[in-house]
Amino acid sequence: MDLQACTEELRRKVGEASGLNATLKFDCGADGVVVIDGRAVPNTVDNVDRDTDCTVGITHDNLVAMIKGELQPATAFMTGKIKVSGDMSVALKLQRIV
């Protein structure tokens, strides 16, 4: 699954109202970013790199595993597979989305 496919799947999962009420960025380094704007009405998901309330540093492979349900966000955090910067409460809401 390439980054565009990840973006489309996250867009489907987020829908119009994710309940996130914040902005969150999955930063996959050189592979790119996926940004969820949970404040926009309807919510948006795109690949435009910008400042967000919370940034999740993650490899592309781990993002794919998370989207597929093979990697839970809490487990990923505890095992060091993701690094969170910014508002941690936003990261805790990931369970609702992925």
PDB file of N, CA and C in Angstrom:
ATOM      1  N   MET A   1       0.861  -1.168   0.000  1.00  0.00           N
ATOM      2  CA  MET A   1       0.000   0.000   0.000  1.00  0.00           C
ATOM      3  C   MET A   1       0.910   1.235   0.000  1.00  0.00           C
ATOM      4  N   ASP A   2       0.780   2.070  -1.021  1.00  0.00           N
ATOM      5  CA  ASP A   2       1.590   3.275  -1.088  1.00  0.00           C
ATOM      6  C   ASP A   2       0.963   4.380  -0.231  1.00  0.00           C
ATOM      7  N   LEU A   3       1.646   5.528  -0.151  1.00  0.00           N
ATOM      8  CA  LEU A   3       1.166   6.609   0.715  1.00  0.00           C
ATOM      9  C   LEU A   3      -0.207   7.111   0.276  1.00  0.00           C
ATOM     10  N   GLN A   4      -0.449   7.175  -1.023  1.00  0.00           N
ATOM     11  CA  GLN A   4      -1.753   7.646  -1.503  1.00  0.00           C
ATOM     12  C   GLN A   4      -2.866   6.682  -1.087  1.00  0.00           C
ATOM     13  N   ALA A   5      -2.595   5.387  -1.148  1.00  0.00           N
ATOM     14  CA  ALA A   5      -3.583   4.398  -0.705  1.00  0.00           C
ATOM     15  C   ALA A   5      -3.827   4.523   0.799  1.00  0.00           C
ATOM     16  N   CYS A   6      -2.760   4.793   1.573  1.00  0.00           N
ATOM     17  CA  CYS A   6      -2.914   5.027   3.018  1.00  0.00           C
ATOM     18  C   CYS A   6      -3.801   6.237   3.265  1.00  0.00           C
ATOM     19  N   THR A   7      -3.565   7.292   2.496  1.00  0.00           N
ATOM     20  CA  THR A   7      -4.351   8.521   2.635  1.00  0.00           C
ATOM     21  C   THR A   7      -5.818   8.250   2.352  1.00  0.00           C
ATOM     22  N   GLU A   8      -6.100   7.534   1.276  1.00  0.00           N
ATOM     23  CA  GLU A   8      -7.486   7.219   0.911  1.00  0.00           C
ATOM     24  C   GLU A   8      -8.165   6.364   1.984  1.00  0.00           C
ATOM     25  N   GLU A   9      -7.440   5.382   2.511  1.00  0.00           N
ATOM     26  CA  GLU A   9      -8.031   4.519   3.546  1.00  0.00           C
ATOM     27  C   GLU A   9      -8.289   5.309   4.825  1.00  0.00           C
ATOM     28  N   LEU A  10      -7.350   6.178   5.207  1.00  0.00           N
ATOM     29  CA  LEU A  10      -7.577   7.020   6.390  1.00  0.00           C
ATOM     30  C   LEU A  10      -8.740   7.978   6.156  1.00  0.00           C
ATOM     31  N   ARG A  11      -8.860   8.508   4.948  1.00  0.00           N
ATOM     32  CA  ARG A  11      -9.982   9.395   4.621  1.00  0.00           C
ATOM     33  C   ARG A  11     -11.302   8.657   4.808  1.00  0.00           C
ATOM     34  N   ARG A  12     -11.335   7.399   4.372  1.00  0.00           N
ATOM     35  CA  ARG A  12     -12.547   6.589   4.522  1.00  0.00           C
ATOM     36  C   ARG A  12     -12.855   6.345   6.000  1.00  0.00           C
ATOM     37  N   LYS A  13     -11.816   6.026   6.778  1.00  0.00           N
ATOM     38  CA  LYS A  13     -12.007   5.735   8.201  1.00  0.00           C
ATOM     39  C   LYS A  13     -12.398   6.981   8.990  1.00  0.00           C
ATOM     40  N   VAL A  14     -11.795   8.121   8.657  1.00  0.00           N
ATOM     41  CA  VAL A  14     -12.075   9.369   9.373  1.00  0.00           C
ATOM     42  C   VAL A  14     -13.496   9.835   9.086  1.00  0.00           C
ATOM     43  N   GLY A  15     -13.908   9.744   7.835  1.00  0.00           N
ATOM     44  CA  GLY A  15     -15.248  10.183   7.456  1.00  0.00           C
ATOM     45  C   GLY A  15     -15.394  11.688   7.598  1.00  0.00           C
ATOM     46  N   GLU A  16     -16.619  12.131   7.766  1.00  0.00           N
ATOM     47  CA  GLU A  16     -16.893  13.570   7.852  1.00  0.00           C
ATOM     48  C   GLU A  16     -16.734  14.111   9.259  1.00  0.00           C
ATOM     49  N   ALA A  17     -16.877  13.260  10.263  1.00  0.00           N
ATOM     50  CA  ALA A  17     -16.805  13.719  11.654  1.00  0.00           C
ATOM     51  C   ALA A  17     -16.133  12.646  12.509  1.00  0.00           C
ATOM     52  N   SER A  18     -14.827  12.761  12.667  1.00  0.00           N
ATOM     53  CA  SER A  18     -14.053  11.746  13.384  1.00  0.00           C
ATOM     54  C   SER A  18     -14.150  11.874  14.898  1.00  0.00           C
ATOM     55  N   GLY A  19     -14.532  13.063  15.381  1.00  0.00           N
ATOM     56  CA  GLY A  19     -14.521  13.300  16.816  1.00  0.00           C
ATOM     57  C   GLY A  19     -13.139  13.682  17.320  1.00  0.00           C
ATOM     58  N   LEU A  20     -12.187  13.817  16.418  1.00  0.00           N
ATOM     59  CA  LEU A  20     -10.817  14.156  16.788  1.00  0.00           C
ATOM     60  C   LEU A  20     -10.724  15.594  17.310  1.00  0.00           C
ATOM     61  N   ASN A  21     -11.439  16.513  16.678  1.00  0.00           N
ATOM     62  CA  ASN A  21     -11.446  17.923  17.075  1.00  0.00           C
ATOM     63  C   ASN A  21     -10.051  18.512  17.220  1.00  0.00           C
ATOM     64  N   ALA A  22      -9.130  18.072  16.364  1.00  0.00           N
ATOM     65  CA  ALA A  22      -7.745  18.535  16.382  1.00  0.00           C
ATOM     66  C   ALA A  22      -7.112  18.163  15.052  1.00  0.00           C
ATOM     67  N   THR A  23      -5.863  18.577  14.878  1.00  0.00           N
ATOM     68  CA  THR A  23      -5.122  18.184  13.684  1.00  0.00           C
ATOM     69  C   THR A  23      -4.023  17.215  14.090  1.00  0.00           C
ATOM     70  N   LEU A  24      -3.806  16.214  13.248  1.00  0.00           N
ATOM     71  CA  LEU A  24      -2.831  15.170  13.533  1.00  0.00           C
ATOM     72  C   LEU A  24      -2.078  14.838  12.264  1.00  0.00           C
ATOM     73  N   LYS A  25      -0.776  14.685  12.385  1.00  0.00           N
ATOM     74  CA  LYS A  25       0.061  14.355  11.228  1.00  0.00           C
ATOM     75  C   LYS A  25       0.792  13.048  11.481  1.00  0.00           C
ATOM     76  N   PHE A  26       0.700  12.143  10.513  1.00  0.00           N
ATOM     77  CA  PHE A  26       1.542  10.955  10.477  1.00  0.00           C
ATOM     78  C   PHE A  26       2.741  11.338   9.627  1.00  0.00           C
ATOM     79  N   ASP A  27       3.913  11.397  10.235  1.00  0.00           N
ATOM     80  CA  ASP A  27       5.131  11.781   9.530  1.00  0.00           C
ATOM     81  C   ASP A  27       5.953  10.534   9.256  1.00  0.00           C
ATOM     82  N   CYS A  28       5.994  10.145   7.993  1.00  0.00           N
ATOM     83  CA  CYS A  28       6.724   8.950   7.581  1.00  0.00           C
ATOM     84  C   CYS A  28       8.097   9.308   7.016  1.00  0.00           C
ATOM     85  N   GLY A  29       8.635  10.450   7.405  1.00  0.00           N
ATOM     86  CA  GLY A  29       9.961  10.860   6.949  1.00  0.00           C
ATOM     87  C   GLY A  29       9.995  11.091   5.456  1.00  0.00           C
ATOM     88  N   ALA A  30      10.967  10.476   4.795  1.00  0.00           N
ATOM     89  CA  ALA A  30      11.150  10.656   3.355  1.00  0.00           C
ATOM     90  C   ALA A  30       9.978  10.119   2.537  1.00  0.00           C
ATOM     91  N   ASP A  31       9.163   9.242   3.134  1.00  0.00           N
ATOM     92  CA  ASP A  31       8.006   8.686   2.424  1.00  0.00           C
ATOM     93  C   ASP A  31       6.833   9.658   2.370  1.00  0.00           C
ATOM     94  N   GLY A  32       6.860  10.726   3.173  1.00  0.00           N
ATOM     95  CA  GLY A  32       5.800  11.730   3.137  1.00  0.00           C
ATOM     96  C   GLY A  32       4.983  11.785   4.408  1.00  0.00           C
ATOM     97  N   VAL A  33       3.911  12.559   4.349  1.00  0.00           N
ATOM     98  CA  VAL A  33       3.039  12.771   5.505  1.00  0.00           C
ATOM     99  C   VAL A  33       1.586  12.549   5.127  1.00  0.00           C
ATOM    100  N   VAL A  34       0.792  12.229   6.140  1.00  0.00           N
ATOM    101  CA  VAL A  34      -0.661  12.199   6.008  1.00  0.00           C
ATOM    102  C   VAL A  34      -1.188  13.059   7.145  1.00  0.00           C
ATOM    103  N   VAL A  35      -1.974  14.073   6.813  1.00  0.00           N
ATOM    104  CA  VAL A  35      -2.495  15.006   7.805  1.00  0.00           C
ATOM    105  C   VAL A  35      -4.012  14.855   7.896  1.00  0.00           C
ATOM    106  N   ILE A  36      -4.494  14.682   9.126  1.00  0.00           N
ATOM    107  CA  ILE A  36      -5.928  14.620   9.396  1.00  0.00           C
ATOM    108  C   ILE A  36      -6.321  15.927  10.055  1.00  0.00           C
ATOM    109  N   ASP A  37      -7.265  16.634   9.456  1.00  0.00           N
ATOM    110  CA  ASP A  37      -7.791  17.858  10.056  1.00  0.00           C
ATOM    111  C   ASP A  37      -9.171  17.550  10.605  1.00  0.00           C
ATOM    112  N   GLY A  38      -9.209  17.260  11.897  1.00  0.00           N
ATOM    113  CA  GLY A  38     -10.455  16.923  12.568  1.00  0.00           C
ATOM    114  C   GLY A  38     -11.250  18.141  13.001  1.00  0.00           C
ATOM    115  N   ARG A  39     -10.736  19.332  12.696  1.00  0.00           N
ATOM    116  CA  ARG A  39     -11.469  20.568  12.982  1.00  0.00           C
ATOM    117  C   ARG A  39     -12.288  21.024  11.778  1.00  0.00           C
ATOM    118  N   ALA A  40     -11.825  20.657  10.585  1.00  0.00           N
ATOM    119  CA  ALA A  40     -12.523  21.054   9.362  1.00  0.00           C
ATOM    120  C   ALA A  40     -13.883  20.364   9.318  1.00  0.00           C
ATOM    121  N   VAL A  41     -14.834  21.047   8.723  1.00  0.00           N
ATOM    122  CA  VAL A  41     -16.177  20.472   8.559  1.00  0.00           C
ATOM    123  C   VAL A  41     -16.471  20.439   7.068  1.00  0.00           C
ATOM    124  N   PRO A  42     -16.516  19.259   6.442  1.00  0.00           N
ATOM    125  CA  PRO A  42     -16.218  17.947   7.012  1.00  0.00           C
ATOM    126  C   PRO A  42     -14.717  17.778   7.250  1.00  0.00           C
ATOM    127  N   ASN A  43     -14.357  16.756   8.041  1.00  0.00           N
ATOM    128  CA  ASN A  43     -12.947  16.467   8.298  1.00  0.00           C
ATOM    129  C   ASN A  43     -12.236  16.203   6.970  1.00  0.00           C
ATOM    130  N   THR A  44     -10.938  16.537   6.928  1.00  0.00           N
ATOM    131  CA  THR A  44     -10.162  16.313   5.716  1.00  0.00           C
ATOM    132  C   THR A  44      -8.919  15.478   6.027  1.00  0.00           C
ATOM    133  N   VAL A  45      -8.454  14.784   5.009  1.00  0.00           N
ATOM    134  CA  VAL A  45      -7.218  14.006   5.095  1.00  0.00           C
ATOM    135  C   VAL A  45      -6.453  14.285   3.808  1.00  0.00           C
ATOM    136  N   ASP A  46      -5.196  14.761   3.945  1.00  0.00           N
ATOM    137  CA  ASP A  46      -4.397  15.069   2.766  1.00  0.00           C
ATOM    138  C   ASP A  46      -2.923  14.833   3.046  1.00  0.00           C
ATOM    139  N   ASN A  47      -2.090  15.208   2.087  1.00  0.00           N
ATOM    140  CA  ASN A  47      -0.650  14.979   2.205  1.00  0.00           C
ATOM    141  C   ASN A  47       0.136  16.286   2.223  1.00  0.00           C
ATOM    142  N   VAL A  48      -0.503  17.360   2.659  1.00  0.00           N
ATOM    143  CA  VAL A  48       0.151  18.661   2.722  1.00  0.00           C
ATOM    144  C   VAL A  48       0.817  18.804   4.084  1.00  0.00           C
ATOM    145  N   ASP A  49       2.148  18.909   4.089  1.00  0.00           N
ATOM    146  CA  ASP A  49       2.901  19.020   5.336  1.00  0.00           C
ATOM    147  C   ASP A  49       2.679  20.398   5.957  1.00  0.00           C
ATOM    148  N   ARG A  50       2.217  20.419   7.189  1.00  0.00           N
ATOM    149  CA  ARG A  50       1.974  21.669   7.915  1.00  0.00           C
ATOM    150  C   ARG A  50       2.032  21.395   9.408  1.00  0.00           C
ATOM    151  N   ASP A  51       2.051  22.469  10.202  1.00  0.00           N
ATOM    152  CA  ASP A  51       2.024  22.317  11.657  1.00  0.00           C
ATOM    153  C   ASP A  51       0.688  21.729  12.082  1.00  0.00           C
ATOM    154  N   THR A  52       0.743  20.820  13.064  1.00  0.00           N
ATOM    155  CA  THR A  52      -0.462  20.189  13.586  1.00  0.00           C
ATOM    156  C   THR A  52      -0.403  20.163  15.110  1.00  0.00           C
ATOM    157  N   ASP A  53      -1.539  19.851  15.729  1.00  0.00           N
ATOM    158  CA  ASP A  53      -1.585  19.758  17.184  1.00  0.00           C
ATOM    159  C   ASP A  53      -0.724  18.609  17.696  1.00  0.00           C
ATOM    160  N   CYS A  54      -0.659  17.546  16.901  1.00  0.00           N
ATOM    161  CA  CYS A  54       0.078  16.340  17.297  1.00  0.00           C
ATOM    162  C   CYS A  54       0.742  15.749  16.063  1.00  0.00           C
ATOM    163  N   THR A  55       1.989  15.324  16.216  1.00  0.00           N
ATOM    164  CA  THR A  55       2.701  14.657  15.140  1.00  0.00           C
ATOM    165  C   THR A  55       3.106  13.273  15.605  1.00  0.00           C
ATOM    166  N   VAL A  56       2.802  12.290  14.773  1.00  0.00           N
ATOM    167  CA  VAL A  56       3.163  10.906  15.048  1.00  0.00           C
ATOM    168  C   VAL A  56       4.249  10.505  14.063  1.00  0.00           C
ATOM    169  N   GLY A  57       5.458  10.321  14.559  1.00  0.00           N
ATOM    170  CA  GLY A  57       6.555   9.832  13.730  1.00  0.00           C
ATOM    171  C   GLY A  57       6.416   8.327  13.602  1.00  0.00           C
ATOM    172  N   ILE A  58       6.336   7.842  12.360  1.00  0.00           N
ATOM    173  CA  ILE A  58       6.072   6.427  12.116  1.00  0.00           C
ATOM    174  C   ILE A  58       6.669   6.023  10.774  1.00  0.00           C
ATOM    175  N   THR A  59       7.127   4.797  10.660  1.00  0.00           N
ATOM    176  CA  THR A  59       7.595   4.325   9.356  1.00  0.00           C
ATOM    177  C   THR A  59       6.379   4.045   8.479  1.00  0.00           C
ATOM    178  N   HIS A  60       6.602   4.075   7.185  1.00  0.00           N
ATOM    179  CA  HIS A  60       5.510   3.785   6.255  1.00  0.00           C
ATOM    180  C   HIS A  60       4.948   2.385   6.504  1.00  0.00           C
ATOM    181  N   ASP A  61       5.833   1.404   6.723  1.00  0.00           N
ATOM    182  CA  ASP A  61       5.384   0.023   6.961  1.00  0.00           C
ATOM    183  C   ASP A  61       4.522  -0.077   8.213  1.00  0.00           C
ATOM    184  N   ASN A  62       4.908   0.630   9.273  1.00  0.00           N
ATOM    185  CA  ASN A  62       4.104   0.596  10.503  1.00  0.00           C
ATOM    186  C   ASN A  62       2.777   1.323  10.322  1.00  0.00           C
ATOM    187  N   LEU A  63       2.764   2.384   9.509  1.00  0.00           N
ATOM    188  CA  LEU A  63       1.493   3.065   9.223  1.00  0.00           C
ATOM    189  C   LEU A  63       0.545   2.118   8.497  1.00  0.00           C
ATOM    190  N   VAL A  64       1.062   1.399   7.533  1.00  0.00           N
ATOM    191  CA  VAL A  64       0.247   0.425   6.803  1.00  0.00           C
ATOM    192  C   VAL A  64      -0.292  -0.626   7.769  1.00  0.00           C
ATOM    193  N   ALA A  65       0.566  -1.141   8.641  1.00  0.00           N
ATOM    194  CA  ALA A  65       0.136  -2.159   9.614  1.00  0.00           C
ATOM    195  C   ALA A  65      -0.937  -1.599  10.542  1.00  0.00           C
ATOM    196  N   MET A  66      -0.813  -0.333  10.938  1.00  0.00           N
ATOM    197  CA  MET A  66      -1.805   0.282  11.818  1.00  0.00           C
ATOM    198  C   MET A  66      -3.142   0.431  11.092  1.00  0.00           C
ATOM    199  N   ILE A  67      -3.094   0.869   9.848  1.00  0.00           N
ATOM    200  CA  ILE A  67      -4.319   1.033   9.068  1.00  0.00           C
ATOM    201  C   ILE A  67      -5.021  -0.303   8.865  1.00  0.00           C
ATOM    202  N   LYS A  68      -4.241  -1.352   8.648  1.00  0.00           N
ATOM    203  CA  LYS A  68      -4.809  -2.688   8.434  1.00  0.00           C
ATOM    204  C   LYS A  68      -5.283  -3.345   9.720  1.00  0.00           C
ATOM    205  N   GLY A  69      -5.001  -2.727  10.878  1.00  0.00           N
ATOM    206  CA  GLY A  69      -5.409  -3.309  12.147  1.00  0.00           C
ATOM    207  C   GLY A  69      -4.430  -4.328  12.683  1.00  0.00           C
ATOM    208  N   GLU A  70      -3.257  -4.429  12.058  1.00  0.00           N
ATOM    209  CA  GLU A  70      -2.252  -5.385  12.493  1.00  0.00           C
ATOM    210  C   GLU A  70      -1.363  -4.821  13.601  1.00  0.00           C
ATOM    211  N   LEU A  71      -1.427  -3.508  13.829  1.00  0.00           N
ATOM    212  CA  LEU A  71      -0.639  -2.838  14.856  1.00  0.00           C
ATOM    213  C   LEU A  71      -1.538  -1.834  15.570  1.00  0.00           C
ATOM    214  N   GLN A  72      -1.733  -2.030  16.852  1.00  0.00           N
ATOM    215  CA  GLN A  72      -2.568  -1.118  17.634  1.00  0.00           C
ATOM    216  C   GLN A  72      -1.750   0.104  18.051  1.00  0.00           C
ATOM    217  N   PRO A  73      -2.349   1.304  18.020  1.00  0.00           N
ATOM    218  CA  PRO A  73      -1.608   2.516  18.382  1.00  0.00           C
ATOM    219  C   PRO A  73      -0.943   2.455  19.751  1.00  0.00           C
ATOM    220  N   ALA A  74      -1.629   1.947  20.749  1.00  0.00           N
ATOM    221  CA  ALA A  74      -1.054   1.884  22.096  1.00  0.00           C
ATOM    222  C   ALA A  74       0.168   0.964  22.126  1.00  0.00           C
ATOM    223  N   THR A  75       0.059  -0.172  21.461  1.00  0.00           N
ATOM    224  CA  THR A  75       1.175  -1.107  21.381  1.00  0.00           C
ATOM    225  C   THR A  75       2.344  -0.476  20.627  1.00  0.00           C
ATOM    226  N   ALA A  76       2.032   0.213  19.548  1.00  0.00           N
ATOM    227  CA  ALA A  76       3.068   0.867  18.753  1.00  0.00           C
ATOM    228  C   ALA A  76       3.819   1.898  19.591  1.00  0.00           C
ATOM    229  N   PHE A  77       3.098   2.636  20.422  1.00  0.00           N
ATOM    230  CA  PHE A  77       3.731   3.642  21.267  1.00  0.00           C
ATOM    231  C   PHE A  77       4.611   2.983  22.331  1.00  0.00           C
ATOM    232  N   MET A  78       4.067   1.979  22.984  1.00  0.00           N
ATOM    233  CA  MET A  78       4.804   1.318  24.068  1.00  0.00           C
ATOM    234  C   MET A  78       6.044   0.584  23.576  1.00  0.00           C
ATOM    235  N   THR A  79       6.027   0.133  22.337  1.00  0.00           N
ATOM    236  CA  THR A  79       7.177  -0.598  21.801  1.00  0.00           C
ATOM    237  C   THR A  79       8.125   0.306  21.007  1.00  0.00           C
ATOM    238  N   GLY A  80       7.843   1.600  20.988  1.00  0.00           N
ATOM    239  CA  GLY A  80       8.724   2.548  20.318  1.00  0.00           C
ATOM    240  C   GLY A  80       8.588   2.585  18.803  1.00  0.00           C
ATOM    241  N   LYS A  81       7.518   2.014  18.278  1.00  0.00           N
ATOM    242  CA  LYS A  81       7.322   2.020  16.826  1.00  0.00           C
ATOM    243  C   LYS A  81       6.757   3.348  16.333  1.00  0.00           C
ATOM    244  N   ILE A  82       6.229   4.152  17.261  1.00  0.00           N
ATOM    245  CA  ILE A  82       5.807   5.506  16.921  1.00  0.00           C
ATOM    246  C   ILE A  82       6.365   6.457  17.971  1.00  0.00           C
ATOM    247  N   LYS A  83       6.630   7.663  17.546  1.00  0.00           N
ATOM    248  CA  LYS A  83       7.075   8.731  18.438  1.00  0.00           C
ATOM    249  C   LYS A  83       6.048   9.849  18.340  1.00  0.00           C
ATOM    250  N   VAL A  84       5.571  10.305  19.478  1.00  0.00           N
ATOM    251  CA  VAL A  84       4.535  11.324  19.504  1.00  0.00           C
ATOM    252  C   VAL A  84       5.117  12.631  20.007  1.00  0.00           C
ATOM    253  N   SER A  85       4.833  13.704  19.272  1.00  0.00           N
ATOM    254  CA  SER A  85       5.206  15.036  19.743  1.00  0.00           C
ATOM    255  C   SER A  85       3.982  15.934  19.649  1.00  0.00           C
ATOM    256  N   GLY A  86       3.918  16.896  20.549  1.00  0.00           N
ATOM    257  CA  GLY A  86       2.747  17.771  20.589  1.00  0.00           C
ATOM    258  C   GLY A  86       1.750  17.278  21.611  1.00  0.00           C
ATOM    259  N   ASP A  87       0.491  17.477  21.332  1.00  0.00           N
ATOM    260  CA  ASP A  87      -0.602  17.179  22.253  1.00  0.00           C
ATOM    261  C   ASP A  87      -0.865  15.668  22.330  1.00  0.00           C
ATOM    262  N   MET A  88      -0.427  15.055  23.416  1.00  0.00           N
ATOM    263  CA  MET A  88      -0.573  13.607  23.595  1.00  0.00           C
ATOM    264  C   MET A  88      -2.044  13.181  23.629  1.00  0.00           C
ATOM    265  N   SER A  89      -2.938  14.047  24.102  1.00  0.00           N
ATOM    266  CA  SER A  89      -4.358  13.678  24.165  1.00  0.00           C
ATOM    267  C   SER A  89      -4.921  13.423  22.768  1.00  0.00           C
ATOM    268  N   VAL A  90      -4.374  14.089  21.758  1.00  0.00           N
ATOM    269  CA  VAL A  90      -4.809  13.846  20.380  1.00  0.00           C
ATOM    270  C   VAL A  90      -4.368  12.454  19.949  1.00  0.00           C
ATOM    271  N   ALA A  91      -3.146  12.085  20.272  1.00  0.00           N
ATOM    272  CA  ALA A  91      -2.638  10.759  19.917  1.00  0.00           C
ATOM    273  C   ALA A  91      -3.473   9.658  20.571  1.00  0.00           C
ATOM    274  N   LEU A  92      -3.962   9.910  21.773  1.00  0.00           N
ATOM    275  CA  LEU A  92      -4.774   8.904  22.457  1.00  0.00           C
ATOM    276  C   LEU A  92      -6.091   8.635  21.738  1.00  0.00           C
ATOM    277  N   LYS A  93      -6.525   9.573  20.921  1.00  0.00           N
ATOM    278  CA  LYS A  93      -7.773   9.404  20.160  1.00  0.00           C
ATOM    279  C   LYS A  93      -7.583   8.580  18.893  1.00  0.00           C
ATOM    280  N   LEU A  94      -6.355   8.155  18.624  1.00  0.00           N
ATOM    281  CA  LEU A  94      -6.092   7.359  17.415  1.00  0.00           C
ATOM    282  C   LEU A  94      -6.914   6.074  17.372  1.00  0.00           C
ATOM    283  N   GLN A  95      -7.186   5.500  18.539  1.00  0.00           N
ATOM    284  CA  GLN A  95      -7.959   4.250  18.589  1.00  0.00           C
ATOM    285  C   GLN A  95      -9.292   4.403  17.865  1.00  0.00           C
ATOM    286  N   ARG A  96      -9.868   5.608  17.903  1.00  0.00           N
ATOM    287  CA  ARG A  96     -11.154   5.832  17.233  1.00  0.00           C
ATOM    288  C   ARG A  96     -11.039   5.795  15.722  1.00  0.00           C
ATOM    289  N   ILE A  97      -9.844   6.143  15.231  1.00  0.00           N
ATOM    290  CA  ILE A  97      -9.674   6.335  13.795  1.00  0.00           C
ATOM    291  C   ILE A  97      -9.132   5.097  13.105  1.00  0.00           C
ATOM    292  N   VAL A  98      -8.069   4.498  13.655  1.00  0.00           N
ATOM    293  CA  VAL A  98      -7.413   3.390  12.965  1.00  0.00           C
ATOM    294  C   VAL A  98      -7.757   2.049  13.542  1.00  0.00           C
TER     295      VAL A  98
END
